[in-house]
N, C-alpha and C. Protein backbone atom coordinates (compact mmCIF):
# COMPACT_ATOMS: atom_id res chain seq x y z
N MET A 1 32.25 -35.31 -17.47
CA MET A 1 32.49 -35.16 -16.03
C MET A 1 32.21 -33.73 -15.58
N ARG A 2 32.73 -32.78 -16.36
CA ARG A 2 32.50 -31.37 -16.01
C ARG A 2 31.01 -31.02 -16.07
N LYS A 3 30.33 -31.59 -17.07
CA LYS A 3 28.89 -31.35 -17.20
C LYS A 3 28.14 -31.87 -15.96
N MET A 4 28.54 -33.03 -15.46
CA MET A 4 27.91 -33.61 -14.28
C MET A 4 28.17 -32.75 -13.04
N ILE A 5 29.40 -32.25 -12.91
CA ILE A 5 29.76 -31.40 -11.76
C ILE A 5 28.96 -30.09 -11.80
N ASN A 6 28.86 -29.50 -13.01
CA ASN A 6 28.10 -28.26 -13.16
C ASN A 6 26.63 -28.46 -12.81
N SER A 7 26.10 -29.61 -13.21
CA SER A 7 24.69 -29.93 -12.91
C SER A 7 24.49 -30.07 -11.41
N LEU A 8 25.44 -30.75 -10.72
CA LEU A 8 25.34 -30.90 -9.27
C LEU A 8 25.44 -29.55 -8.56
N ILE A 9 26.34 -28.69 -9.03
CA ILE A 9 26.49 -27.35 -8.44
C ILE A 9 25.22 -26.56 -8.62
N GLN A 10 24.61 -26.63 -9.80
CA GLN A 10 23.36 -25.91 -10.06
C GLN A 10 22.24 -26.37 -9.14
N LYS A 11 22.12 -27.67 -8.96
CA LYS A 11 21.10 -28.21 -8.07
C LYS A 11 21.34 -27.77 -6.63
N LEU A 12 22.62 -27.73 -6.22
CA LEU A 12 22.95 -27.30 -4.87
C LEU A 12 22.60 -25.84 -4.65
N ILE A 13 22.89 -25.01 -5.63
CA ILE A 13 22.56 -23.58 -5.54
C ILE A 13 21.06 -23.38 -5.44
N ILE A 14 20.29 -24.13 -6.22
CA ILE A 14 18.82 -24.02 -6.18
C ILE A 14 18.30 -24.41 -4.80
N LYS A 15 18.82 -25.52 -4.25
CA LYS A 15 18.38 -25.97 -2.92
C LYS A 15 18.74 -24.93 -1.86
N LEU A 16 19.94 -24.36 -1.98
CA LEU A 16 20.37 -23.34 -1.03
C LEU A 16 19.49 -22.11 -1.12
N GLY A 17 19.14 -21.72 -2.35
CA GLY A 17 18.26 -20.56 -2.54
C GLY A 17 16.89 -20.77 -1.91
N VAL A 18 16.35 -21.99 -2.07
CA VAL A 18 15.05 -22.32 -1.48
C VAL A 18 15.12 -22.25 0.04
N LYS A 19 16.20 -22.80 0.61
CA LYS A 19 16.38 -22.78 2.06
C LYS A 19 16.49 -21.35 2.58
N LEU A 20 17.26 -20.52 1.89
CA LEU A 20 17.43 -19.13 2.31
C LEU A 20 16.11 -18.39 2.28
N GLN A 21 15.29 -18.64 1.24
CA GLN A 21 13.98 -18.01 1.14
C GLN A 21 13.09 -18.45 2.30
N GLN A 22 13.15 -19.73 2.64
CA GLN A 22 12.36 -20.23 3.77
C GLN A 22 12.78 -19.57 5.07
N TYR A 23 14.09 -19.44 5.29
CA TYR A 23 14.58 -18.79 6.51
C TYR A 23 14.17 -17.32 6.54
N GLN A 24 14.26 -16.66 5.39
CA GLN A 24 13.87 -15.26 5.33
C GLN A 24 12.39 -15.08 5.67
N ASN A 25 11.56 -15.98 5.16
CA ASN A 25 10.12 -15.91 5.46
C ASN A 25 9.86 -16.15 6.94
N GLN A 26 10.60 -17.08 7.54
CA GLN A 26 10.44 -17.33 8.97
C GLN A 26 10.83 -16.11 9.79
N ILE A 27 11.92 -15.45 9.40
CA ILE A 27 12.35 -14.23 10.09
C ILE A 27 11.32 -13.13 9.91
N ALA A 28 10.78 -13.00 8.70
CA ALA A 28 9.79 -11.97 8.42
C ALA A 28 8.55 -12.14 9.30
N ARG A 29 8.10 -13.38 9.44
CA ARG A 29 6.92 -13.64 10.28
C ARG A 29 7.22 -13.41 11.76
N ALA A 30 8.38 -13.89 12.19
CA ALA A 30 8.72 -13.81 13.61
C ALA A 30 8.97 -12.37 14.07
N SER A 31 9.36 -11.51 13.15
CA SER A 31 9.72 -10.14 13.53
C SER A 31 8.61 -9.12 13.28
N LEU A 32 7.41 -9.59 12.98
CA LEU A 32 6.29 -8.66 12.78
C LEU A 32 5.98 -7.90 14.07
N PRO A 33 5.63 -6.62 13.96
CA PRO A 33 5.26 -5.86 15.16
C PRO A 33 3.88 -6.25 15.66
N LYS A 34 3.50 -5.71 16.80
CA LYS A 34 2.17 -5.96 17.37
C LYS A 34 1.19 -4.96 16.78
N PHE A 35 0.15 -5.47 16.11
CA PHE A 35 -0.87 -4.63 15.51
C PHE A 35 -2.03 -4.42 16.48
N ALA A 36 -3.06 -3.69 16.04
CA ALA A 36 -4.21 -3.41 16.90
C ALA A 36 -5.03 -4.68 17.14
N ASN A 37 -4.88 -5.67 16.27
CA ASN A 37 -5.55 -6.96 16.44
C ASN A 37 -4.50 -8.06 16.26
N GLU A 38 -4.95 -9.28 16.21
CA GLU A 38 -4.02 -10.40 16.05
C GLU A 38 -4.38 -11.18 14.78
N PRO A 39 -3.87 -10.73 13.63
CA PRO A 39 -4.20 -11.40 12.37
C PRO A 39 -3.57 -12.79 12.28
N LYS A 40 -4.25 -13.68 11.55
CA LYS A 40 -3.75 -15.04 11.35
C LYS A 40 -3.07 -15.14 9.98
N ASP A 41 -1.98 -15.87 9.95
CA ASP A 41 -1.24 -16.15 8.73
C ASP A 41 -0.92 -14.86 7.96
N LEU A 42 -0.31 -13.91 8.64
CA LEU A 42 0.09 -12.63 8.03
C LEU A 42 1.54 -12.72 7.57
N MET A 43 1.79 -12.27 6.34
CA MET A 43 3.14 -12.18 5.82
C MET A 43 3.37 -10.77 5.26
N ILE A 44 4.34 -10.06 5.80
CA ILE A 44 4.82 -8.81 5.23
C ILE A 44 6.32 -9.00 5.05
N GLU A 45 6.74 -9.21 3.83
CA GLU A 45 8.11 -9.61 3.55
C GLU A 45 9.11 -8.49 3.88
N LEU A 46 10.33 -8.89 4.13
CA LEU A 46 11.43 -7.97 4.34
C LEU A 46 12.04 -7.58 3.00
N PRO A 47 12.57 -6.34 2.87
CA PRO A 47 12.57 -5.27 3.88
C PRO A 47 11.19 -4.59 3.95
N ARG A 48 10.93 -3.93 5.07
CA ARG A 48 9.65 -3.26 5.26
C ARG A 48 9.84 -2.15 6.29
N ARG A 49 8.90 -1.23 6.34
CA ARG A 49 8.91 -0.18 7.36
C ARG A 49 7.47 0.04 7.81
N ILE A 50 7.23 -0.13 9.11
CA ILE A 50 5.88 -0.02 9.67
C ILE A 50 5.92 0.93 10.86
N ILE A 51 5.14 2.01 10.78
CA ILE A 51 5.15 3.04 11.81
C ILE A 51 3.76 3.14 12.43
N GLN A 52 3.70 3.08 13.76
CA GLN A 52 2.46 3.07 14.55
C GLN A 52 1.58 1.86 14.21
N PRO A 53 2.11 0.64 14.31
CA PRO A 53 1.31 -0.56 13.99
C PRO A 53 0.11 -0.74 14.92
N GLU A 54 0.17 -0.15 16.11
CA GLU A 54 -0.96 -0.27 17.04
C GLU A 54 -2.21 0.44 16.53
N ARG A 55 -2.08 1.20 15.46
CA ARG A 55 -3.22 1.88 14.83
C ARG A 55 -3.66 1.18 13.54
N MET A 56 -3.18 -0.03 13.34
CA MET A 56 -3.47 -0.78 12.11
C MET A 56 -4.21 -2.06 12.44
N PHE A 57 -5.29 -2.32 11.71
CA PHE A 57 -6.08 -3.54 11.85
C PHE A 57 -5.89 -4.36 10.57
N ILE A 58 -5.34 -5.55 10.71
CA ILE A 58 -4.98 -6.36 9.57
C ILE A 58 -5.81 -7.64 9.57
N GLY A 59 -6.35 -8.01 8.40
CA GLY A 59 -7.15 -9.21 8.29
C GLY A 59 -6.30 -10.47 8.24
N ASP A 60 -6.96 -11.61 8.11
CA ASP A 60 -6.28 -12.91 8.05
C ASP A 60 -5.81 -13.21 6.62
N ASN A 61 -4.74 -14.01 6.53
CA ASN A 61 -4.22 -14.48 5.24
C ASN A 61 -3.83 -13.33 4.31
N VAL A 62 -3.28 -12.29 4.89
CA VAL A 62 -2.77 -11.15 4.12
C VAL A 62 -1.31 -11.41 3.76
N SER A 63 -0.94 -11.08 2.52
CA SER A 63 0.44 -11.27 2.07
C SER A 63 0.91 -10.04 1.30
N LEU A 64 1.87 -9.30 1.88
CA LEU A 64 2.41 -8.09 1.26
C LEU A 64 3.87 -8.32 0.91
N GLY A 65 4.24 -8.03 -0.32
CA GLY A 65 5.59 -8.28 -0.80
C GLY A 65 6.60 -7.33 -0.21
N PRO A 66 7.88 -7.49 -0.58
CA PRO A 66 8.95 -6.67 0.00
C PRO A 66 8.80 -5.20 -0.36
N GLY A 67 9.37 -4.36 0.51
CA GLY A 67 9.35 -2.92 0.27
C GLY A 67 8.10 -2.21 0.76
N SER A 68 7.28 -2.87 1.58
CA SER A 68 6.07 -2.23 2.10
C SER A 68 6.43 -1.11 3.07
N PHE A 69 5.70 0.00 2.97
CA PHE A 69 5.85 1.13 3.90
C PHE A 69 4.47 1.51 4.38
N LEU A 70 4.16 1.23 5.65
CA LEU A 70 2.86 1.51 6.23
C LEU A 70 3.04 2.48 7.39
N ILE A 71 2.30 3.60 7.35
CA ILE A 71 2.39 4.57 8.44
C ILE A 71 1.01 5.12 8.76
N ALA A 72 0.65 5.06 10.04
CA ALA A 72 -0.56 5.71 10.56
C ALA A 72 -0.08 6.88 11.41
N ALA A 73 -0.05 8.05 10.83
CA ALA A 73 0.60 9.20 11.46
C ALA A 73 -0.17 9.70 12.68
N THR A 74 0.57 10.12 13.69
CA THR A 74 -0.02 10.78 14.86
C THR A 74 0.31 12.26 14.90
N HIS A 75 1.37 12.66 14.17
CA HIS A 75 1.74 14.07 14.14
C HIS A 75 2.63 14.35 12.94
N TYR A 76 2.71 15.63 12.60
CA TYR A 76 3.62 16.08 11.54
C TYR A 76 4.08 17.49 11.90
N PRO A 77 5.34 17.82 11.73
CA PRO A 77 6.40 17.00 11.14
C PRO A 77 7.04 16.06 12.15
N SER A 78 7.64 14.99 11.61
CA SER A 78 8.45 14.10 12.44
C SER A 78 9.83 14.73 12.59
N LYS A 79 10.70 14.09 13.37
CA LYS A 79 12.04 14.64 13.59
C LYS A 79 12.80 14.84 12.29
N THR A 80 12.69 13.86 11.40
CA THR A 80 13.46 13.93 10.16
C THR A 80 12.94 15.00 9.20
N MET A 81 11.72 15.50 9.46
CA MET A 81 11.13 16.51 8.56
C MET A 81 11.10 17.89 9.19
N GLN A 82 11.71 18.06 10.36
CA GLN A 82 11.67 19.35 11.04
C GLN A 82 12.74 20.29 10.51
N ASN A 83 12.43 21.58 10.57
CA ASN A 83 13.39 22.63 10.25
C ASN A 83 13.81 23.24 11.58
N PHE A 84 15.03 23.00 12.01
CA PHE A 84 15.46 23.44 13.34
C PHE A 84 15.79 24.93 13.38
N GLU A 85 15.83 25.58 12.23
CA GLU A 85 16.06 27.02 12.20
C GLU A 85 14.79 27.80 12.50
N ASN A 86 13.66 27.23 12.11
CA ASN A 86 12.36 27.88 12.36
C ASN A 86 11.41 26.85 12.95
N SER A 87 10.69 27.24 14.00
CA SER A 87 9.74 26.31 14.61
C SER A 87 8.54 26.14 13.68
N ILE A 88 8.10 24.90 13.55
CA ILE A 88 6.96 24.58 12.70
C ILE A 88 5.84 24.07 13.59
N PRO A 89 4.63 24.63 13.48
CA PRO A 89 3.51 24.11 14.28
C PRO A 89 3.29 22.63 14.01
N VAL A 90 3.14 21.86 15.07
CA VAL A 90 2.96 20.42 14.92
C VAL A 90 1.49 20.10 14.71
N GLN A 91 1.18 19.35 13.66
CA GLN A 91 -0.18 18.86 13.43
C GLN A 91 -0.37 17.53 14.14
N SER A 92 -1.55 17.33 14.70
CA SER A 92 -1.87 16.07 15.35
C SER A 92 -2.92 15.32 14.54
N PHE A 93 -2.78 14.00 14.47
CA PHE A 93 -3.71 13.16 13.72
C PHE A 93 -4.14 11.96 14.55
N ASN A 94 -5.32 11.44 14.22
CA ASN A 94 -5.82 10.22 14.86
C ASN A 94 -6.02 9.18 13.77
N ALA A 95 -4.93 8.78 13.14
CA ALA A 95 -4.99 7.97 11.93
C ALA A 95 -5.29 6.50 12.22
N LYS A 96 -5.85 5.84 11.20
CA LYS A 96 -6.19 4.42 11.31
C LYS A 96 -6.06 3.78 9.93
N ILE A 97 -5.50 2.59 9.89
CA ILE A 97 -5.42 1.80 8.66
C ILE A 97 -6.11 0.46 8.91
N SER A 98 -7.02 0.09 8.01
CA SER A 98 -7.70 -1.21 8.11
C SER A 98 -7.49 -1.96 6.80
N ILE A 99 -6.95 -3.16 6.89
CA ILE A 99 -6.71 -4.00 5.72
C ILE A 99 -7.49 -5.30 5.92
N GLY A 100 -8.31 -5.66 4.93
CA GLY A 100 -9.20 -6.81 5.08
C GLY A 100 -8.52 -8.15 4.88
N ASN A 101 -9.30 -9.18 4.83
CA ASN A 101 -8.80 -10.54 4.67
C ASN A 101 -8.31 -10.79 3.24
N ARG A 102 -7.27 -11.58 3.13
CA ARG A 102 -6.75 -12.08 1.84
C ARG A 102 -6.30 -10.96 0.90
N VAL A 103 -5.90 -9.84 1.44
CA VAL A 103 -5.33 -8.77 0.62
C VAL A 103 -3.90 -9.15 0.25
N THR A 104 -3.51 -8.89 -1.02
CA THR A 104 -2.17 -9.23 -1.47
C THR A 104 -1.55 -8.05 -2.22
N SER A 105 -0.22 -7.96 -2.14
CA SER A 105 0.52 -7.01 -2.96
C SER A 105 1.80 -7.67 -3.44
N THR A 106 2.24 -7.30 -4.64
CA THR A 106 3.47 -7.88 -5.19
C THR A 106 4.69 -7.33 -4.49
N ALA A 107 4.79 -5.98 -4.42
CA ALA A 107 5.94 -5.34 -3.78
C ALA A 107 5.70 -3.84 -3.71
N ASP A 108 6.43 -3.19 -2.76
CA ASP A 108 6.49 -1.72 -2.70
C ASP A 108 5.10 -1.07 -2.55
N LEU A 109 4.32 -1.58 -1.62
CA LEU A 109 3.03 -0.96 -1.29
C LEU A 109 3.24 0.10 -0.23
N GLN A 110 2.86 1.34 -0.53
CA GLN A 110 3.01 2.46 0.40
C GLN A 110 1.62 2.95 0.81
N ILE A 111 1.35 2.89 2.11
CA ILE A 111 0.07 3.36 2.65
C ILE A 111 0.38 4.36 3.76
N ALA A 112 -0.04 5.61 3.57
CA ALA A 112 0.20 6.65 4.57
C ALA A 112 -1.14 7.28 4.95
N ALA A 113 -1.50 7.13 6.23
CA ALA A 113 -2.79 7.64 6.71
C ALA A 113 -2.58 8.76 7.72
N GLN A 114 -3.32 9.84 7.53
CA GLN A 114 -3.46 10.89 8.53
C GLN A 114 -4.88 10.87 9.10
N SER A 115 -5.82 10.34 8.31
CA SER A 115 -7.22 10.19 8.72
C SER A 115 -7.54 8.70 8.81
N GLU A 116 -8.10 8.12 7.74
CA GLU A 116 -8.41 6.69 7.75
C GLU A 116 -8.32 6.13 6.33
N ILE A 117 -7.66 5.00 6.22
CA ILE A 117 -7.59 4.27 4.95
C ILE A 117 -8.15 2.87 5.19
N VAL A 118 -9.15 2.50 4.41
CA VAL A 118 -9.80 1.19 4.54
C VAL A 118 -9.61 0.43 3.23
N ILE A 119 -9.05 -0.76 3.34
CA ILE A 119 -8.90 -1.66 2.21
C ILE A 119 -9.69 -2.92 2.54
N GLU A 120 -10.72 -3.20 1.77
CA GLU A 120 -11.61 -4.31 2.10
C GLU A 120 -11.04 -5.65 1.62
N ASP A 121 -11.80 -6.71 1.82
CA ASP A 121 -11.34 -8.07 1.54
C ASP A 121 -10.97 -8.27 0.06
N ASP A 122 -9.98 -9.15 -0.16
CA ASP A 122 -9.65 -9.70 -1.47
C ASP A 122 -9.18 -8.66 -2.49
N VAL A 123 -8.62 -7.56 -2.01
CA VAL A 123 -8.03 -6.58 -2.93
C VAL A 123 -6.65 -7.08 -3.36
N MET A 124 -6.35 -6.89 -4.65
CA MET A 124 -5.06 -7.30 -5.21
C MET A 124 -4.30 -6.06 -5.69
N PHE A 125 -3.09 -5.87 -5.14
CA PHE A 125 -2.23 -4.77 -5.56
C PHE A 125 -1.07 -5.33 -6.37
N ALA A 126 -0.74 -4.66 -7.47
CA ALA A 126 0.51 -4.94 -8.18
C ALA A 126 1.65 -4.25 -7.43
N SER A 127 2.72 -3.88 -8.11
CA SER A 127 3.88 -3.26 -7.46
C SER A 127 3.83 -1.73 -7.53
N ASN A 128 4.53 -1.13 -6.55
CA ASN A 128 4.73 0.32 -6.54
C ASN A 128 3.42 1.09 -6.51
N ILE A 129 2.61 0.82 -5.49
CA ILE A 129 1.33 1.50 -5.29
C ILE A 129 1.49 2.52 -4.16
N HIS A 130 0.98 3.73 -4.36
CA HIS A 130 1.06 4.78 -3.34
C HIS A 130 -0.35 5.22 -2.98
N ILE A 131 -0.70 5.08 -1.69
CA ILE A 131 -2.02 5.46 -1.18
C ILE A 131 -1.80 6.42 -0.02
N ASN A 132 -2.29 7.66 -0.15
CA ASN A 132 -2.05 8.66 0.89
C ASN A 132 -3.30 9.52 1.03
N ASP A 133 -3.84 9.60 2.26
CA ASP A 133 -5.06 10.38 2.46
C ASP A 133 -4.77 11.84 2.84
N GLY A 134 -3.55 12.30 2.56
CA GLY A 134 -3.18 13.70 2.74
C GLY A 134 -2.03 14.02 1.80
N VAL A 135 -1.78 15.30 1.59
CA VAL A 135 -0.67 15.70 0.71
C VAL A 135 0.15 16.79 1.39
N HIS A 136 1.44 16.89 1.01
CA HIS A 136 2.26 17.99 1.51
C HIS A 136 1.70 19.31 1.00
N GLY A 137 1.65 20.30 1.90
CA GLY A 137 1.10 21.59 1.53
C GLY A 137 2.00 22.35 0.56
N TYR A 138 1.38 23.28 -0.18
CA TYR A 138 2.12 24.15 -1.09
C TYR A 138 1.45 25.52 -1.14
N GLU A 139 1.13 26.02 0.07
CA GLU A 139 0.46 27.31 0.17
C GLU A 139 1.36 28.46 -0.25
N THR A 140 2.66 28.26 -0.14
CA THR A 140 3.62 29.28 -0.54
C THR A 140 4.78 28.64 -1.27
N ALA A 141 5.39 29.40 -2.16
CA ALA A 141 6.58 28.91 -2.87
C ALA A 141 7.86 29.47 -2.25
N ASP A 142 7.74 30.04 -1.05
CA ASP A 142 8.90 30.63 -0.38
C ASP A 142 9.43 29.78 0.77
N VAL A 143 8.75 28.66 1.05
CA VAL A 143 9.16 27.74 2.13
C VAL A 143 9.24 26.35 1.53
N ALA A 144 10.29 25.61 1.88
CA ALA A 144 10.42 24.23 1.39
C ALA A 144 9.15 23.45 1.71
N TYR A 145 8.66 22.70 0.75
CA TYR A 145 7.35 22.05 0.89
C TYR A 145 7.34 21.02 2.02
N LYS A 146 8.48 20.44 2.34
CA LYS A 146 8.54 19.46 3.44
C LYS A 146 8.25 20.10 4.78
N TYR A 147 8.36 21.43 4.87
CA TYR A 147 8.11 22.14 6.12
C TYR A 147 6.70 22.74 6.18
N GLN A 148 5.92 22.57 5.14
CA GLN A 148 4.55 23.08 5.15
C GLN A 148 3.59 21.98 5.62
N LYS A 149 2.47 22.39 6.17
CA LYS A 149 1.57 21.43 6.82
C LYS A 149 0.93 20.48 5.80
N ILE A 150 0.55 19.30 6.30
CA ILE A 150 -0.19 18.34 5.50
C ILE A 150 -1.60 18.90 5.26
N SER A 151 -2.06 18.82 4.02
CA SER A 151 -3.35 19.40 3.68
C SER A 151 -4.23 18.41 2.92
N LYS A 152 -5.46 18.83 2.67
CA LYS A 152 -6.43 18.05 1.90
C LYS A 152 -6.65 16.65 2.48
N VAL A 153 -6.58 16.53 3.79
CA VAL A 153 -6.74 15.22 4.43
C VAL A 153 -8.19 14.74 4.31
N ALA A 154 -8.38 13.55 3.76
CA ALA A 154 -9.72 12.97 3.60
C ALA A 154 -9.59 11.46 3.47
N PRO A 155 -10.50 10.68 4.08
CA PRO A 155 -10.39 9.22 4.10
C PRO A 155 -10.42 8.59 2.71
N ILE A 156 -9.79 7.43 2.61
CA ILE A 156 -9.77 6.64 1.37
C ILE A 156 -10.36 5.26 1.66
N THR A 157 -11.19 4.77 0.73
CA THR A 157 -11.73 3.41 0.82
C THR A 157 -11.54 2.69 -0.50
N ILE A 158 -10.97 1.49 -0.43
CA ILE A 158 -10.88 0.61 -1.59
C ILE A 158 -11.73 -0.61 -1.28
N LYS A 159 -12.82 -0.76 -1.98
CA LYS A 159 -13.80 -1.80 -1.63
C LYS A 159 -13.37 -3.18 -2.14
N LYS A 160 -14.10 -4.17 -1.72
CA LYS A 160 -13.68 -5.57 -1.87
C LYS A 160 -13.47 -5.96 -3.34
N GLY A 161 -12.51 -6.85 -3.52
CA GLY A 161 -12.31 -7.49 -4.81
C GLY A 161 -11.65 -6.65 -5.88
N CYS A 162 -11.14 -5.47 -5.54
CA CYS A 162 -10.53 -4.60 -6.56
C CYS A 162 -9.17 -5.12 -6.99
N TRP A 163 -8.76 -4.68 -8.16
CA TRP A 163 -7.43 -4.96 -8.70
C TRP A 163 -6.79 -3.62 -9.02
N ILE A 164 -5.71 -3.30 -8.32
CA ILE A 164 -5.01 -2.03 -8.49
C ILE A 164 -3.71 -2.30 -9.24
N GLY A 165 -3.56 -1.74 -10.43
CA GLY A 165 -2.44 -2.06 -11.31
C GLY A 165 -1.13 -1.39 -10.92
N GLN A 166 -0.12 -1.69 -11.71
CA GLN A 166 1.25 -1.23 -11.46
C GLN A 166 1.35 0.30 -11.44
N ASN A 167 2.11 0.82 -10.46
CA ASN A 167 2.47 2.26 -10.41
C ASN A 167 1.26 3.18 -10.24
N VAL A 168 0.25 2.74 -9.53
CA VAL A 168 -0.95 3.56 -9.31
C VAL A 168 -0.78 4.42 -8.07
N MET A 169 -1.31 5.66 -8.16
CA MET A 169 -1.36 6.56 -7.00
C MET A 169 -2.82 6.87 -6.70
N ILE A 170 -3.21 6.72 -5.43
CA ILE A 170 -4.59 6.98 -5.01
C ILE A 170 -4.58 8.15 -4.04
N MET A 171 -5.33 9.19 -4.39
CA MET A 171 -5.28 10.47 -3.70
C MET A 171 -6.34 10.59 -2.60
N PRO A 172 -6.24 11.62 -1.74
CA PRO A 172 -7.18 11.79 -0.62
C PRO A 172 -8.64 11.88 -1.06
N GLY A 173 -9.52 11.30 -0.23
CA GLY A 173 -10.96 11.43 -0.43
C GLY A 173 -11.56 10.46 -1.44
N VAL A 174 -10.76 9.56 -1.98
CA VAL A 174 -11.22 8.67 -3.04
C VAL A 174 -11.86 7.41 -2.46
N THR A 175 -12.97 6.98 -3.08
CA THR A 175 -13.55 5.66 -2.85
C THR A 175 -13.54 4.91 -4.18
N ILE A 176 -13.00 3.71 -4.16
CA ILE A 176 -13.01 2.85 -5.35
C ILE A 176 -14.01 1.74 -5.10
N GLY A 177 -15.02 1.65 -5.96
CA GLY A 177 -16.11 0.70 -5.77
C GLY A 177 -15.67 -0.74 -5.90
N GLU A 178 -16.48 -1.65 -5.40
CA GLU A 178 -16.11 -3.06 -5.37
C GLU A 178 -15.93 -3.64 -6.77
N PHE A 179 -14.98 -4.55 -6.89
CA PHE A 179 -14.67 -5.27 -8.13
C PHE A 179 -14.29 -4.34 -9.28
N THR A 180 -13.67 -3.23 -8.96
CA THR A 180 -13.20 -2.30 -9.98
C THR A 180 -11.71 -2.52 -10.23
N ILE A 181 -11.29 -2.27 -11.47
CA ILE A 181 -9.90 -2.39 -11.88
C ILE A 181 -9.35 -0.99 -12.16
N ILE A 182 -8.17 -0.69 -11.61
CA ILE A 182 -7.48 0.55 -11.91
C ILE A 182 -6.25 0.20 -12.75
N GLY A 183 -6.19 0.73 -13.97
CA GLY A 183 -5.11 0.39 -14.89
C GLY A 183 -3.76 0.93 -14.45
N ALA A 184 -2.70 0.33 -14.96
CA ALA A 184 -1.33 0.70 -14.61
C ALA A 184 -1.05 2.17 -14.89
N ASN A 185 -0.21 2.76 -14.03
CA ASN A 185 0.27 4.15 -14.19
C ASN A 185 -0.82 5.20 -14.03
N SER A 186 -1.93 4.84 -13.39
CA SER A 186 -3.04 5.78 -13.21
C SER A 186 -2.89 6.58 -11.93
N ILE A 187 -3.44 7.79 -11.93
CA ILE A 187 -3.55 8.60 -10.72
C ILE A 187 -5.04 8.81 -10.46
N VAL A 188 -5.50 8.28 -9.33
CA VAL A 188 -6.93 8.31 -9.01
C VAL A 188 -7.20 9.52 -8.11
N LYS A 189 -7.81 10.54 -8.68
CA LYS A 189 -8.07 11.78 -7.95
C LYS A 189 -9.52 11.91 -7.51
N GLU A 190 -10.41 11.15 -8.17
CA GLU A 190 -11.84 11.18 -7.84
C GLU A 190 -12.35 9.76 -7.69
N SER A 191 -13.46 9.61 -6.97
CA SER A 191 -14.03 8.28 -6.71
C SER A 191 -14.44 7.59 -8.01
N ILE A 192 -14.30 6.26 -8.01
CA ILE A 192 -14.63 5.43 -9.17
C ILE A 192 -15.72 4.45 -8.76
N PRO A 193 -16.78 4.29 -9.59
CA PRO A 193 -17.87 3.38 -9.22
C PRO A 193 -17.46 1.91 -9.21
N ALA A 194 -18.37 1.07 -8.75
CA ALA A 194 -18.14 -0.38 -8.71
C ALA A 194 -18.15 -0.98 -10.11
N LYS A 195 -17.44 -2.09 -10.27
CA LYS A 195 -17.44 -2.91 -11.48
C LYS A 195 -17.14 -2.10 -12.73
N CYS A 196 -16.04 -1.34 -12.63
CA CYS A 196 -15.57 -0.54 -13.76
C CYS A 196 -14.10 -0.83 -14.00
N ILE A 197 -13.63 -0.44 -15.17
CA ILE A 197 -12.19 -0.35 -15.44
C ILE A 197 -11.89 1.12 -15.66
N ALA A 198 -10.96 1.67 -14.87
CA ALA A 198 -10.59 3.08 -14.98
C ALA A 198 -9.09 3.19 -15.21
N ALA A 199 -8.69 4.19 -15.99
CA ALA A 199 -7.27 4.36 -16.28
C ALA A 199 -7.00 5.81 -16.65
N GLY A 200 -5.71 6.20 -16.51
CA GLY A 200 -5.29 7.52 -16.97
C GLY A 200 -4.92 8.45 -15.83
N ASN A 201 -4.56 9.67 -16.19
CA ASN A 201 -4.23 10.74 -15.25
C ASN A 201 -4.97 12.02 -15.66
N PRO A 202 -6.08 12.32 -14.94
CA PRO A 202 -6.68 11.55 -13.84
C PRO A 202 -7.41 10.32 -14.36
N ALA A 203 -7.56 9.31 -13.50
CA ALA A 203 -8.22 8.07 -13.90
C ALA A 203 -9.69 8.33 -14.24
N LYS A 204 -10.09 7.82 -15.40
CA LYS A 204 -11.47 7.92 -15.86
C LYS A 204 -11.98 6.53 -16.22
N VAL A 205 -13.29 6.32 -16.10
CA VAL A 205 -13.89 5.04 -16.45
C VAL A 205 -13.80 4.83 -17.96
N VAL A 206 -13.23 3.68 -18.35
CA VAL A 206 -13.14 3.36 -19.78
C VAL A 206 -14.02 2.17 -20.14
N LYS A 207 -14.38 1.35 -19.16
CA LYS A 207 -15.29 0.23 -19.40
C LYS A 207 -16.13 -0.01 -18.15
N ARG A 208 -17.32 -0.57 -18.36
CA ARG A 208 -18.21 -0.95 -17.26
C ARG A 208 -18.68 -2.39 -17.48
N TRP A 209 -18.89 -3.09 -16.37
CA TRP A 209 -19.39 -4.46 -16.46
C TRP A 209 -20.89 -4.42 -16.68
N ASP A 210 -21.33 -5.09 -17.75
CA ASP A 210 -22.76 -5.15 -18.07
C ASP A 210 -23.34 -6.45 -17.52
N GLU A 211 -24.22 -6.33 -16.53
CA GLU A 211 -24.78 -7.51 -15.88
C GLU A 211 -25.66 -8.32 -16.83
N ARG A 212 -26.28 -7.65 -17.78
CA ARG A 212 -27.18 -8.34 -18.70
C ARG A 212 -26.43 -9.25 -19.66
N THR A 213 -25.37 -8.69 -20.29
CA THR A 213 -24.61 -9.45 -21.27
C THR A 213 -23.40 -10.17 -20.66
N GLU A 214 -23.08 -9.82 -19.40
CA GLU A 214 -21.91 -10.35 -18.71
C GLU A 214 -20.63 -10.12 -19.52
N ASN A 215 -20.48 -8.88 -19.93
CA ASN A 215 -19.29 -8.45 -20.67
C ASN A 215 -18.91 -7.04 -20.25
N TRP A 216 -17.62 -6.70 -20.49
CA TRP A 216 -17.17 -5.33 -20.30
C TRP A 216 -17.59 -4.50 -21.52
N ILE A 217 -18.27 -3.40 -21.24
CA ILE A 217 -18.80 -2.54 -22.31
C ILE A 217 -18.06 -1.20 -22.29
């Protein structure tokens, strides 16, 4: 009898969990901000943080897991980064983020643009990916780095069909060629050609796709 009751309770919990997930997905879709275009079948799961969505162009059938942080900056510093004891010159930006069709991420995708970040169709992100086309300045060691200007700003492009592995960081000015794989825990500081596998810090090409033999060499 107890076994039957436990089985019924387990089934009830599973059904309740499924229902809660469905409701959460409905809330996530209904609460999406207005982007620069009107994407179809877009899912960005909760929790999420999206700043300046009117500067973001999102493709159709995009699915981004929980913990996404997307920002197209218009100025720096923001209120939370200001030093009220000393005035800091405000930098102005005309940032843009473009995400293609059928792009997916598992969770915790961070995209911060001061210039332009382009992600083409069918790119697959694992979890905890950081993409930033600028870096906090460090011109001096006498001022907290959060109060120094954003530097090294340069556009980033991730071309179609790429696979970006777990815990990858992509730095300013980088282009990743189409159908390239970036291995887990890599820091991409320089551009990577198409149809390669790159890994490491800094990421270097470790394999290339051979069209003749149709194998990774």
